[in-house]
Structure formats: structure tokens, C-alpha cells
């Protein structure tokens, strides 16, 4: 099953939020993003740059688990890796600031 194409990030982000409609999915993504980022920061602090490779392993393990077990859909990362990474941080920022509303309804 192929994923849709988008003209810009704004269009993609609407799709991204639809694919992350359940609160459990969003929370698992947030936890994975924060823990992955913490691992990257720790790698720099400890001066072990090789440990930065833990970032995607940690982050994606939470994210993909949420897609397969909670949301029951295919991670957008498979079709749009860079926009998905941006979407993870965008969604996290909206969550932290209390501006993340319910996912848009599918039309």
C-alpha cells in the first residue's frame, strides 16, 4: 500500500495528525522522541558520539509500536522520513504547549 504524495509540509502534517489520531499513539511518540533526544544529548555530554545511534532506535521503537499495536496503520516514516521526523517534533511542540487539538477528520 503506497502512501499519498503531498505538495508541502502543511498538507503532510494534516495527514500525519490523522495517522496519529489516538492519544496513546501521540503519547508513545512523545515519549520516544524525548527519550531519543535525551540519548543523543547524553552521547554528546559523555563524548561517545557512537551512542547517538541509540536516538533512532529508541524513538522509532516507541513510534512504530504505537502504529502497529495502537493505531493499526503504517508509519508515515516509511514513505516520508524527513517530514515524519519534522512531524514528530512539531506534534511534540504542540503537545507541550497545549495547542494540539484532536486529529482532523478524514474527508
PDB file of N, CA and C in Angstrom:
ATOM      1  N   UNK A   1       0.843  -1.168   0.000  1.00  0.00           N
ATOM      2  CA  UNK A   1       0.000   0.000   0.000  1.00  0.00           C
ATOM      3  C   UNK A   1       0.892   1.237   0.000  1.00  0.00           C
ATOM      4  N   UNK A   2       0.741   2.093  -0.998  1.00  0.00           N
ATOM      5  CA  UNK A   2       1.564   3.292  -1.081  1.00  0.00           C
ATOM      6  C   UNK A   2       0.913   4.433  -0.312  1.00  0.00           C
ATOM      7  N   UNK A   3       1.758   5.339   0.135  1.00  0.00           N
ATOM      8  CA  UNK A   3       1.261   6.489   0.877  1.00  0.00           C
ATOM      9  C   UNK A   3       1.027   7.635  -0.089  1.00  0.00           C
ATOM     10  N   UNK A   4       0.125   8.534   0.263  1.00  0.00           N
ATOM     11  CA  UNK A   4      -0.174   9.661  -0.626  1.00  0.00           C
ATOM     12  C   UNK A   4       1.021  10.590  -0.778  1.00  0.00           C
ATOM     13  N   UNK A   5       0.964  11.403  -1.820  1.00  0.00           N
ATOM     14  CA  UNK A   5       2.001  12.419  -2.014  1.00  0.00           C
ATOM     15  C   UNK A   5       1.434  13.771  -1.581  1.00  0.00           C
ATOM     16  N   UNK A   6       2.347  14.680  -1.249  1.00  0.00           N
ATOM     17  CA  UNK A   6       1.941  15.978  -0.737  1.00  0.00           C
ATOM     18  C   UNK A   6       2.743  17.067  -1.423  1.00  0.00           C
ATOM     19  N   UNK A   7       2.103  18.200  -1.628  1.00  0.00           N
ATOM     20  CA  UNK A   7       2.765  19.335  -2.271  1.00  0.00           C
ATOM     21  C   UNK A   7       3.661  20.092  -1.293  1.00  0.00           C
ATOM     22  N   UNK A   8       3.340  19.991   0.007  1.00  0.00           N
ATOM     23  CA  UNK A   8       4.113  20.737   1.000  1.00  0.00           C
ATOM     24  C   UNK A   8       3.961  20.088   2.373  1.00  0.00           C
ATOM     25  N   UNK A   9       4.749  20.585   3.317  1.00  0.00           N
ATOM     26  CA  UNK A   9       4.728  20.030   4.665  1.00  0.00           C
ATOM     27  C   UNK A   9       3.373  20.231   5.340  1.00  0.00           C
ATOM     28  N   UNK A  10       2.732  21.336   5.095  1.00  0.00           N
ATOM     29  CA  UNK A  10       1.430  21.607   5.723  1.00  0.00           C
ATOM     30  C   UNK A  10       0.417  20.526   5.364  1.00  0.00           C
ATOM     31  N   UNK A  11       0.376  20.145   4.099  1.00  0.00           N
ATOM     32  CA  UNK A  11      -0.520  19.070   3.673  1.00  0.00           C
ATOM     33  C   UNK A  11      -0.130  17.759   4.358  1.00  0.00           C
ATOM     34  N   UNK A  12       1.178  17.511   4.392  1.00  0.00           N
ATOM     35  CA  UNK A  12       1.657  16.293   5.038  1.00  0.00           C
ATOM     36  C   UNK A  12       1.272  16.268   6.514  1.00  0.00           C
ATOM     37  N   UNK A  13       1.434  17.381   7.219  1.00  0.00           N
ATOM     38  CA  UNK A  13       1.179  17.393   8.654  1.00  0.00           C
ATOM     39  C   UNK A  13      -0.284  17.093   8.975  1.00  0.00           C
ATOM     40  N   UNK A  14      -1.177  17.520   8.120  1.00  0.00           N
ATOM     41  CA  UNK A  14      -2.600  17.170   8.311  1.00  0.00           C
ATOM     42  C   UNK A  14      -2.759  15.651   8.253  1.00  0.00           C
ATOM     43  N   UNK A  15      -2.149  15.030   7.258  1.00  0.00           N
ATOM     44  CA  UNK A  15      -2.156  13.569   7.134  1.00  0.00           C
ATOM     45  C   UNK A  15      -1.495  12.932   8.354  1.00  0.00           C
ATOM     46  N   UNK A  16      -0.363  13.490   8.775  1.00  0.00           N
ATOM     47  CA  UNK A  16       0.385  12.986   9.921  1.00  0.00           C
ATOM     48  C   UNK A  16      -0.498  12.941  11.163  1.00  0.00           C
ATOM     49  N   UNK A  17      -1.229  14.005  11.418  1.00  0.00           N
ATOM     50  CA  UNK A  17      -2.115  14.033  12.593  1.00  0.00           C
ATOM     51  C   UNK A  17      -3.245  13.012  12.473  1.00  0.00           C
ATOM     52  N   UNK A  18      -3.741  12.790  11.271  1.00  0.00           N
ATOM     53  CA  UNK A  18      -4.772  11.769  11.068  1.00  0.00           C
ATOM     54  C   UNK A  18      -4.219  10.379  11.391  1.00  0.00           C
ATOM     55  N   UNK A  19      -2.966  10.157  11.047  1.00  0.00           N
ATOM     56  CA  UNK A  19      -2.317   8.866  11.296  1.00  0.00           C
ATOM     57  C   UNK A  19      -1.908   8.695  12.762  1.00  0.00           C
ATOM     58  N   UNK A  20      -2.034   9.757  13.534  1.00  0.00           N
ATOM     59  CA  UNK A  20      -1.713   9.759  14.964  1.00  0.00           C
ATOM     60  C   UNK A  20      -2.937  10.243  15.737  1.00  0.00           C
ATOM     61  N   UNK A  21      -4.078   9.673  15.455  1.00  0.00           N
ATOM     62  CA  UNK A  21      -5.340  10.186  15.998  1.00  0.00           C
ATOM     63  C   UNK A  21      -5.605   9.764  17.436  1.00  0.00           C
ATOM     64  N   UNK A  22      -5.046   8.663  17.868  1.00  0.00           N
ATOM     65  CA  UNK A  22      -5.323   8.162  19.219  1.00  0.00           C
ATOM     66  C   UNK A  22      -4.347   8.771  20.235  1.00  0.00           C
ATOM     67  N   UNK A  23      -4.857   9.153  21.398  1.00  0.00           N
ATOM     68  CA  UNK A  23      -3.987   9.746  22.419  1.00  0.00           C
ATOM     69  C   UNK A  23      -2.806   8.851  22.805  1.00  0.00           C
ATOM     70  N   UNK A  24      -3.020   7.529  22.830  1.00  0.00           N
ATOM     71  CA  UNK A  24      -1.936   6.613  23.184  1.00  0.00           C
ATOM     72  C   UNK A  24      -0.810   6.672  22.151  1.00  0.00           C
ATOM     73  N   UNK A  25      -1.181   6.784  20.889  1.00  0.00           N
ATOM     74  CA  UNK A  25      -0.176   6.886  19.830  1.00  0.00           C
ATOM     75  C   UNK A  25       0.630   8.157  19.998  1.00  0.00           C
ATOM     76  N   UNK A  26      -0.051   9.250  20.230  1.00  0.00           N
ATOM     77  CA  UNK A  26       0.629  10.531  20.399  1.00  0.00           C
ATOM     78  C   UNK A  26       1.551  10.516  21.608  1.00  0.00           C
ATOM     79  N   UNK A  27       1.100   9.917  22.702  1.00  0.00           N
ATOM     80  CA  UNK A  27       1.918   9.872  23.911  1.00  0.00           C
ATOM     81  C   UNK A  27       3.146   8.991  23.708  1.00  0.00           C
ATOM     82  N   UNK A  28       2.973   7.842  23.066  1.00  0.00           N
ATOM     83  CA  UNK A  28       4.130   6.979  22.809  1.00  0.00           C
ATOM     84  C   UNK A  28       5.136   7.674  21.894  1.00  0.00           C
ATOM     85  N   UNK A  29       4.649   8.433  20.919  1.00  0.00           N
ATOM     86  CA  UNK A  29       5.552   9.203  20.072  1.00  0.00           C
ATOM     87  C   UNK A  29       6.302  10.250  20.890  1.00  0.00           C
ATOM     88  N   UNK A  30       5.590  10.928  21.758  1.00  0.00           N
ATOM     89  CA  UNK A  30       6.225  11.963  22.585  1.00  0.00           C
ATOM     90  C   UNK A  30       7.300  11.352  23.478  1.00  0.00           C
ATOM     91  N   UNK A  31       6.981  10.248  24.119  1.00  0.00           N
ATOM     92  CA  UNK A  31       7.957   9.579  24.995  1.00  0.00           C
ATOM     93  C   UNK A  31       9.179   9.151  24.191  1.00  0.00           C
ATOM     94  N   UNK A  32       8.949   8.532  23.049  1.00  0.00           N
ATOM     95  CA  UNK A  32      10.060   8.090  22.213  1.00  0.00           C
ATOM     96  C   UNK A  32      10.923   9.239  21.720  1.00  0.00           C
ATOM     97  N   UNK A  33      10.285  10.328  21.319  1.00  0.00           N
ATOM     98  CA  UNK A  33      11.027  11.491  20.832  1.00  0.00           C
ATOM     99  C   UNK A  33      11.876  12.089  21.946  1.00  0.00           C
ATOM    100  N   UNK A  34      11.294  12.252  23.122  1.00  0.00           N
ATOM    101  CA  UNK A  34      12.032  12.841  24.247  1.00  0.00           C
ATOM    102  C   UNK A  34      13.167  11.922  24.700  1.00  0.00           C
ATOM    103  N   UNK A  35      12.895  10.628  24.840  1.00  0.00           N
ATOM    104  CA  UNK A  35      13.950   9.704  25.268  1.00  0.00           C
ATOM    105  C   UNK A  35      15.060   9.596  24.222  1.00  0.00           C
ATOM    106  N   UNK A  36      14.679   9.583  22.955  1.00  0.00           N
ATOM    107  CA  UNK A  36      15.681   9.534  21.894  1.00  0.00           C
ATOM    108  C   UNK A  36      16.552  10.769  21.886  1.00  0.00           C
ATOM    109  N   UNK A  37      15.933  11.917  22.042  1.00  0.00           N
ATOM    110  CA  UNK A  37      16.685  13.169  22.103  1.00  0.00           C
ATOM    111  C   UNK A  37      17.589  13.188  23.340  1.00  0.00           C
ATOM    112  N   UNK A  38      17.091  12.690  24.462  1.00  0.00           N
ATOM    113  CA  UNK A  38      17.909  12.623  25.678  1.00  0.00           C
ATOM    114  C   UNK A  38      19.124  11.724  25.465  1.00  0.00           C
ATOM    115  N   UNK A  39      18.945  10.625  24.750  1.00  0.00           N
ATOM    116  CA  UNK A  39      20.070   9.738  24.454  1.00  0.00           C
ATOM    117  C   UNK A  39      21.112  10.448  23.594  1.00  0.00           C
ATOM    118  N   UNK A  40      20.659  11.236  22.629  1.00  0.00           N
ATOM    119  CA  UNK A  40      21.591  11.979  21.777  1.00  0.00           C
ATOM    120  C   UNK A  40      22.358  13.022  22.583  1.00  0.00           C
ATOM    121  N   UNK A  41      21.657  13.727  23.449  1.00  0.00           N
ATOM    122  CA  UNK A  41      22.308  14.740  24.289  1.00  0.00           C
ATOM    123  C   UNK A  41      23.309  14.070  25.231  1.00  0.00           C
ATOM    124  N   UNK A  42      22.914  12.956  25.819  1.00  0.00           N
ATOM    125  CA  UNK A  42      23.799  12.228  26.711  1.00  0.00           C
ATOM    126  C   UNK A  42      25.051  11.741  25.974  1.00  0.00           C
ATOM    127  N   UNK A  43      24.881  11.305  24.730  1.00  0.00           N
ATOM    128  CA  UNK A  43      26.031  10.868  23.931  1.00  0.00           C
ATOM    129  C   UNK A  43      27.031  12.004  23.756  1.00  0.00           C
ATOM    130  N   UNK A  44      26.524  13.204  23.540  1.00  0.00           N
ATOM    131  CA  UNK A  44      27.407  14.370  23.388  1.00  0.00           C
ATOM    132  C   UNK A  44      28.082  14.702  24.718  1.00  0.00           C
ATOM    133  N   UNK A  45      27.300  14.706  25.795  1.00  0.00           N
ATOM    134  CA  UNK A  45      27.852  15.028  27.120  1.00  0.00           C
ATOM    135  C   UNK A  45      28.935  14.023  27.518  1.00  0.00           C
ATOM    136  N   UNK A  46      28.677  12.742  27.253  1.00  0.00           N
ATOM    137  CA  UNK A  46      29.633  11.693  27.608  1.00  0.00           C
ATOM    138  C   UNK A  46      30.765  11.552  26.589  1.00  0.00           C
ATOM    139  N   UNK A  47      30.665  12.316  25.504  1.00  0.00           N
ATOM    140  CA  UNK A  47      31.660  12.285  24.427  1.00  0.00           C
ATOM    141  C   UNK A  47      31.807  10.894  23.811  1.00  0.00           C
ATOM    142  N   UNK A  48      30.659  10.270  23.601  1.00  0.00           N
ATOM    143  CA  UNK A  48      30.583   8.988  22.912  1.00  0.00           C
ATOM    144  C   UNK A  48      29.639   9.142  21.728  1.00  0.00           C
ATOM    145  N   UNK A  49      30.103   9.767  20.646  1.00  0.00           N
ATOM    146  CA  UNK A  49      29.211  10.053  19.525  1.00  0.00           C
ATOM    147  C   UNK A  49      28.558   8.800  18.916  1.00  0.00           C
ATOM    148  N   UNK A  50      29.199   7.650  19.071  1.00  0.00           N
ATOM    149  CA  UNK A  50      28.613   6.421  18.541  1.00  0.00           C
ATOM    150  C   UNK A  50      27.252   6.143  19.193  1.00  0.00           C
ATOM    151  N   UNK A  51      27.093   6.550  20.445  1.00  0.00           N
ATOM    152  CA  UNK A  51      25.844   6.323  21.167  1.00  0.00           C
ATOM    153  C   UNK A  51      24.682   7.130  20.596  1.00  0.00           C
ATOM    154  N   UNK A  52      25.009   8.106  19.759  1.00  0.00           N
ATOM    155  CA  UNK A  52      23.935   8.887  19.125  1.00  0.00           C
ATOM    156  C   UNK A  52      23.048   7.974  18.277  1.00  0.00           C
ATOM    157  N   UNK A  53      23.598   6.847  17.868  1.00  0.00           N
ATOM    158  CA  UNK A  53      22.813   5.887  17.088  1.00  0.00           C
ATOM    159  C   UNK A  53      21.651   5.306  17.889  1.00  0.00           C
ATOM    160  N   UNK A  54      21.693   5.459  19.210  1.00  0.00           N
ATOM    161  CA  UNK A  54      20.576   4.996  20.041  1.00  0.00           C
ATOM    162  C   UNK A  54      19.329   5.844  19.820  1.00  0.00           C
ATOM    163  N   UNK A  55      19.516   7.100  19.400  1.00  0.00           N
ATOM    164  CA  UNK A  55      18.384   8.009  19.206  1.00  0.00           C
ATOM    165  C   UNK A  55      17.310   7.395  18.310  1.00  0.00           C
ATOM    166  N   UNK A  56      17.636   7.033  17.062  1.00  0.00           N
ATOM    167  CA  UNK A  56      16.557   6.498  16.219  1.00  0.00           C
ATOM    168  C   UNK A  56      16.019   5.162  16.716  1.00  0.00           C
ATOM    169  N   UNK A  57      16.865   4.342  17.307  1.00  0.00           N
ATOM    170  CA  UNK A  57      16.396   3.048  17.809  1.00  0.00           C
ATOM    171  C   UNK A  57      15.355   3.259  18.902  1.00  0.00           C
ATOM    172  N   UNK A  58      15.658   4.143  19.839  1.00  0.00           N
ATOM    173  CA  UNK A  58      14.728   4.427  20.934  1.00  0.00           C
ATOM    174  C   UNK A  58      13.461   5.081  20.398  1.00  0.00           C
ATOM    175  N   UNK A  59      13.632   6.134  19.622  1.00  0.00           N
ATOM    176  CA  UNK A  59      12.470   6.879  19.118  1.00  0.00           C
ATOM    177  C   UNK A  59      11.557   6.022  18.262  1.00  0.00           C
ATOM    178  N   UNK A  60      12.138   5.316  17.302  1.00  0.00           N
ATOM    179  CA  UNK A  60      11.309   4.528  16.398  1.00  0.00           C
ATOM    180  C   UNK A  60      10.694   3.312  17.069  1.00  0.00           C
ATOM    181  N   UNK A  61      11.339   2.774  18.096  1.00  0.00           N
ATOM    182  CA  UNK A  61      10.727   1.631  18.772  1.00  0.00           C
ATOM    183  C   UNK A  61       9.407   2.036  19.426  1.00  0.00           C
ATOM    184  N   UNK A  62       9.364   3.211  20.024  1.00  0.00           N
ATOM    185  CA  UNK A  62       8.110   3.698  20.602  1.00  0.00           C
ATOM    186  C   UNK A  62       7.102   4.047  19.497  1.00  0.00           C
ATOM    187  N   UNK A  63       7.573   4.758  18.490  1.00  0.00           N
ATOM    188  CA  UNK A  63       6.672   5.218  17.423  1.00  0.00           C
ATOM    189  C   UNK A  63       6.072   4.048  16.654  1.00  0.00           C
ATOM    190  N   UNK A  64       6.903   3.135  16.203  1.00  0.00           N
ATOM    191  CA  UNK A  64       6.394   2.035  15.391  1.00  0.00           C
ATOM    192  C   UNK A  64       5.522   1.095  16.203  1.00  0.00           C
ATOM    193  N   UNK A  65       5.863   0.903  17.473  1.00  0.00           N
ATOM    194  CA  UNK A  65       4.999   0.093  18.330  1.00  0.00           C
ATOM    195  C   UNK A  65       3.610   0.709  18.398  1.00  0.00           C
ATOM    196  N   UNK A  66       3.561   2.028  18.526  1.00  0.00           N
ATOM    197  CA  UNK A  66       2.256   2.690  18.609  1.00  0.00           C
ATOM    198  C   UNK A  66       1.457   2.531  17.318  1.00  0.00           C
ATOM    199  N   UNK A  67       2.129   2.559  16.190  1.00  0.00           N
ATOM    200  CA  UNK A  67       1.413   2.395  14.924  1.00  0.00           C
ATOM    201  C   UNK A  67       0.893   0.970  14.751  1.00  0.00           C
ATOM    202  N   UNK A  68       1.734  -0.001  15.063  1.00  0.00           N
ATOM    203  CA  UNK A  68       1.339  -1.384  14.831  1.00  0.00           C
ATOM    204  C   UNK A  68       0.359  -1.910  15.870  1.00  0.00           C
ATOM    205  N   UNK A  69       0.501  -1.508  17.136  1.00  0.00           N
ATOM    206  CA  UNK A  69      -0.332  -2.073  18.197  1.00  0.00           C
ATOM    207  C   UNK A  69      -1.489  -1.187  18.639  1.00  0.00           C
ATOM    208  N   UNK A  70      -1.373   0.114  18.449  1.00  0.00           N
ATOM    209  CA  UNK A  70      -2.429   1.031  18.908  1.00  0.00           C
ATOM    210  C   UNK A  70      -3.227   1.579  17.728  1.00  0.00           C
ATOM    211  N   UNK A  71      -2.532   2.199  16.802  1.00  0.00           N
ATOM    212  CA  UNK A  71      -3.202   2.895  15.695  1.00  0.00           C
ATOM    213  C   UNK A  71      -3.583   1.946  14.559  1.00  0.00           C
ATOM    214  N   UNK A  72      -2.842   0.838  14.428  1.00  0.00           N
ATOM    215  CA  UNK A  72      -3.076  -0.161  13.376  1.00  0.00           C
ATOM    216  C   UNK A  72      -2.953   0.447  11.982  1.00  0.00           C
ATOM    217  N   UNK A  73      -1.871   1.198  11.773  1.00  0.00           N
ATOM    218  CA  UNK A  73      -1.605   1.753  10.452  1.00  0.00           C
ATOM    219  C   UNK A  73      -0.104   1.699  10.178  1.00  0.00           C
ATOM    220  N   UNK A  74       0.267   2.090   9.000  1.00  0.00           N
ATOM    221  CA  UNK A  74       1.666   2.059   8.564  1.00  0.00           C
ATOM    222  C   UNK A  74       2.329   3.382   8.926  1.00  0.00           C
ATOM    223  N   UNK A  75       3.497   3.337   9.587  1.00  0.00           N
ATOM    224  CA  UNK A  75       4.173   4.589   9.941  1.00  0.00           C
ATOM    225  C   UNK A  75       4.467   5.445   8.713  1.00  0.00           C
ATOM    226  N   UNK A  76       4.213   6.724   8.830  1.00  0.00           N
ATOM    227  CA  UNK A  76       4.474   7.657   7.733  1.00  0.00           C
ATOM    228  C   UNK A  76       5.964   7.741   7.413  1.00  0.00           C
ATOM    229  N   UNK A  77       6.798   7.334   8.356  1.00  0.00           N
ATOM    230  CA  UNK A  77       8.251   7.337   8.158  1.00  0.00           C
ATOM    231  C   UNK A  77       8.645   6.519   6.936  1.00  0.00           C
ATOM    232  N   UNK A  78       7.908   5.463   6.659  1.00  0.00           N
ATOM    233  CA  UNK A  78       8.256   4.594   5.543  1.00  0.00           C
ATOM    234  C   UNK A  78       8.175   5.309   4.201  1.00  0.00           C
ATOM    235  N   UNK A  79       7.264   6.263   4.088  1.00  0.00           N
ATOM    236  CA  UNK A  79       7.104   6.969   2.824  1.00  0.00           C
ATOM    237  C   UNK A  79       7.643   8.388   2.825  1.00  0.00           C
ATOM    238  N   UNK A  80       7.737   8.982   4.010  1.00  0.00           N
ATOM    239  CA  UNK A  80       8.131  10.390   4.129  1.00  0.00           C
ATOM    240  C   UNK A  80       9.032  10.576   5.351  1.00  0.00           C
ATOM    241  N   UNK A  81      10.256  10.048   5.314  1.00  0.00           N
ATOM    242  CA  UNK A  81      11.094  10.041   6.517  1.00  0.00           C
ATOM    243  C   UNK A  81      11.436  11.421   7.084  1.00  0.00           C
ATOM    244  N   UNK A  82      11.798  12.371   6.254  1.00  0.00           N
ATOM    245  CA  UNK A  82      12.184  13.685   6.777  1.00  0.00           C
ATOM    246  C   UNK A  82      10.981  14.468   7.302  1.00  0.00           C
ATOM    247  N   UNK A  83       9.898  14.454   6.560  1.00  0.00           N
ATOM    248  CA  UNK A  83       8.695  15.142   7.024  1.00  0.00           C
ATOM    249  C   UNK A  83       8.145  14.464   8.285  1.00  0.00           C
ATOM    250  N   UNK A  84       8.296  13.160   8.393  1.00  0.00           N
ATOM    251  CA  UNK A  84       7.847  12.461   9.598  1.00  0.00           C
ATOM    252  C   UNK A  84       8.663  12.886  10.815  1.00  0.00           C
ATOM    253  N   UNK A  85       9.966  13.020  10.624  1.00  0.00           N
ATOM    254  CA  UNK A  85      10.819  13.490  11.719  1.00  0.00           C
ATOM    255  C   UNK A  85      10.402  14.897  12.139  1.00  0.00           C
ATOM    256  N   UNK A  86      10.175  15.756  11.155  1.00  0.00           N
ATOM    257  CA  UNK A  86       9.683  17.106  11.459  1.00  0.00           C
ATOM    258  C   UNK A  86       8.334  17.031  12.164  1.00  0.00           C
ATOM    259  N   UNK A  87       7.472  16.141  11.696  1.00  0.00           N
ATOM    260  CA  UNK A  87       6.154  15.979  12.295  1.00  0.00           C
ATOM    261  C   UNK A  87       6.226  15.532  13.745  1.00  0.00           C
ATOM    262  N   UNK A  88       7.183  14.647  14.063  1.00  0.00           N
ATOM    263  CA  UNK A  88       7.350  14.205  15.448  1.00  0.00           C
ATOM    264  C   UNK A  88       7.632  15.391  16.366  1.00  0.00           C
ATOM    265  N   UNK A  89       8.567  16.243  15.954  1.00  0.00           N
ATOM    266  CA  UNK A  89       8.916  17.399  16.780  1.00  0.00           C
ATOM    267  C   UNK A  89       7.804  18.452  16.778  1.00  0.00           C
ATOM    268  N   UNK A  90       7.139  18.609  15.656  1.00  0.00           N
ATOM    269  CA  UNK A  90       6.025  19.556  15.553  1.00  0.00           C
ATOM    270  C   UNK A  90       4.894  19.126  16.494  1.00  0.00           C
ATOM    271  N   UNK A  91       4.534  17.841  16.442  1.00  0.00           N
ATOM    272  CA  UNK A  91       3.471  17.336  17.302  1.00  0.00           C
ATOM    273  C   UNK A  91       3.875  17.441  18.772  1.00  0.00           C
ATOM    274  N   UNK A  92       5.126  17.117  19.087  1.00  0.00           N
ATOM    275  CA  UNK A  92       5.601  17.233  20.464  1.00  0.00           C
ATOM    276  C   UNK A  92       5.514  18.676  20.952  1.00  0.00           C
ATOM    277  N   UNK A  93       5.919  19.617  20.118  1.00  0.00           N
ATOM    278  CA  UNK A  93       5.850  21.035  20.499  1.00  0.00           C
ATOM    279  C   UNK A  93       4.406  21.454  20.760  1.00  0.00           C
ATOM    280  N   UNK A  94       3.485  21.003  19.914  1.00  0.00           N
ATOM    281  CA  UNK A  94       2.067  21.325  20.121  1.00  0.00           C
ATOM    282  C   UNK A  94       1.537  20.686  21.400  1.00  0.00           C
ATOM    283  N   UNK A  95       1.996  19.471  21.707  1.00  0.00           N
ATOM    284  CA  UNK A  95       1.568  18.802  22.931  1.00  0.00           C
ATOM    285  C   UNK A  95       2.073  19.553  24.159  1.00  0.00           C
ATOM    286  N   UNK A  96       3.340  19.920  24.153  1.00  0.00           N
ATOM    287  CA  UNK A  96       3.962  20.584  25.299  1.00  0.00           C
ATOM    288  C   UNK A  96       3.328  21.947  25.561  1.00  0.00           C
ATOM    289  N   UNK A  97       2.953  22.629  24.501  1.00  0.00           N
ATOM    290  CA  UNK A  97       2.367  23.962  24.649  1.00  0.00           C
ATOM    291  C   UNK A  97       0.843  23.929  24.798  1.00  0.00           C
ATOM    292  N   UNK A  98       0.260  22.734  24.792  1.00  0.00           N
ATOM    293  CA  UNK A  98      -1.182  22.604  24.965  1.00  0.00           C
ATOM    294  C   UNK A  98      -1.991  23.032  23.753  1.00  0.00           C
ATOM    295  N   UNK A  99      -1.360  23.079  22.587  1.00  0.00           N
ATOM    296  CA  UNK A  99      -2.067  23.530  21.389  1.00  0.00           C
ATOM    297  C   UNK A  99      -2.454  22.384  20.450  1.00  0.00           C
ATOM    298  N   UNK A 100      -2.227  21.136  20.845  1.00  0.00           N
ATOM    299  CA  UNK A 100      -2.576  20.026  19.992  1.00  0.00           C
ATOM    300  C   UNK A 100      -4.043  19.671  20.194  1.00  0.00           C
ATOM    301  N   UNK A 101      -4.815  19.859  19.152  1.00  0.00           N
ATOM    302  CA  UNK A 101      -6.236  19.544  19.182  1.00  0.00           C
ATOM    303  C   UNK A 101      -6.417  18.114  18.681  1.00  0.00           C
ATOM    304  N   UNK A 102      -7.649  17.676  18.671  1.00  0.00           N
ATOM    305  CA  UNK A 102      -7.970  16.374  18.118  1.00  0.00           C
ATOM    306  C   UNK A 102      -7.532  16.328  16.659  1.00  0.00           C
ATOM    307  N   UNK A 103      -7.272  15.134  16.191  1.00  0.00           N
ATOM    308  CA  UNK A 103      -6.882  14.971  14.799  1.00  0.00           C
ATOM    309  C   UNK A 103      -8.009  15.412  13.888  1.00  0.00           C
ATOM    310  N   UNK A 104      -7.674  16.014  12.748  1.00  0.00           N
ATOM    311  CA  UNK A 104      -8.708  16.400  11.790  1.00  0.00           C
ATOM    312  C   UNK A 104      -9.463  15.167  11.304  1.00  0.00           C
ATOM    313  N   UNK A 105     -10.712  15.339  10.990  1.00  0.00           N
ATOM    314  CA  UNK A 105     -11.495  14.211  10.486  1.00  0.00           C
ATOM    315  C   UNK A 105     -11.096  13.923   9.058  1.00  0.00           C
ATOM    316  N   UNK A 106     -11.101  12.638   8.700  1.00  0.00           N
ATOM    317  CA  UNK A 106     -10.787  12.242   7.329  1.00  0.00           C
ATOM    318  C   UNK A 106     -11.959  12.580   6.436  1.00  0.00           C
ATOM    319  N   UNK A 107     -11.640  13.153   5.293  1.00  0.00           N
ATOM    320  CA  UNK A 107     -12.705  13.566   4.363  1.00  0.00           C
ATOM    321  C   UNK A 107     -12.863  12.569   3.269  1.00  0.00           C
TER     322      UNK A 107
END
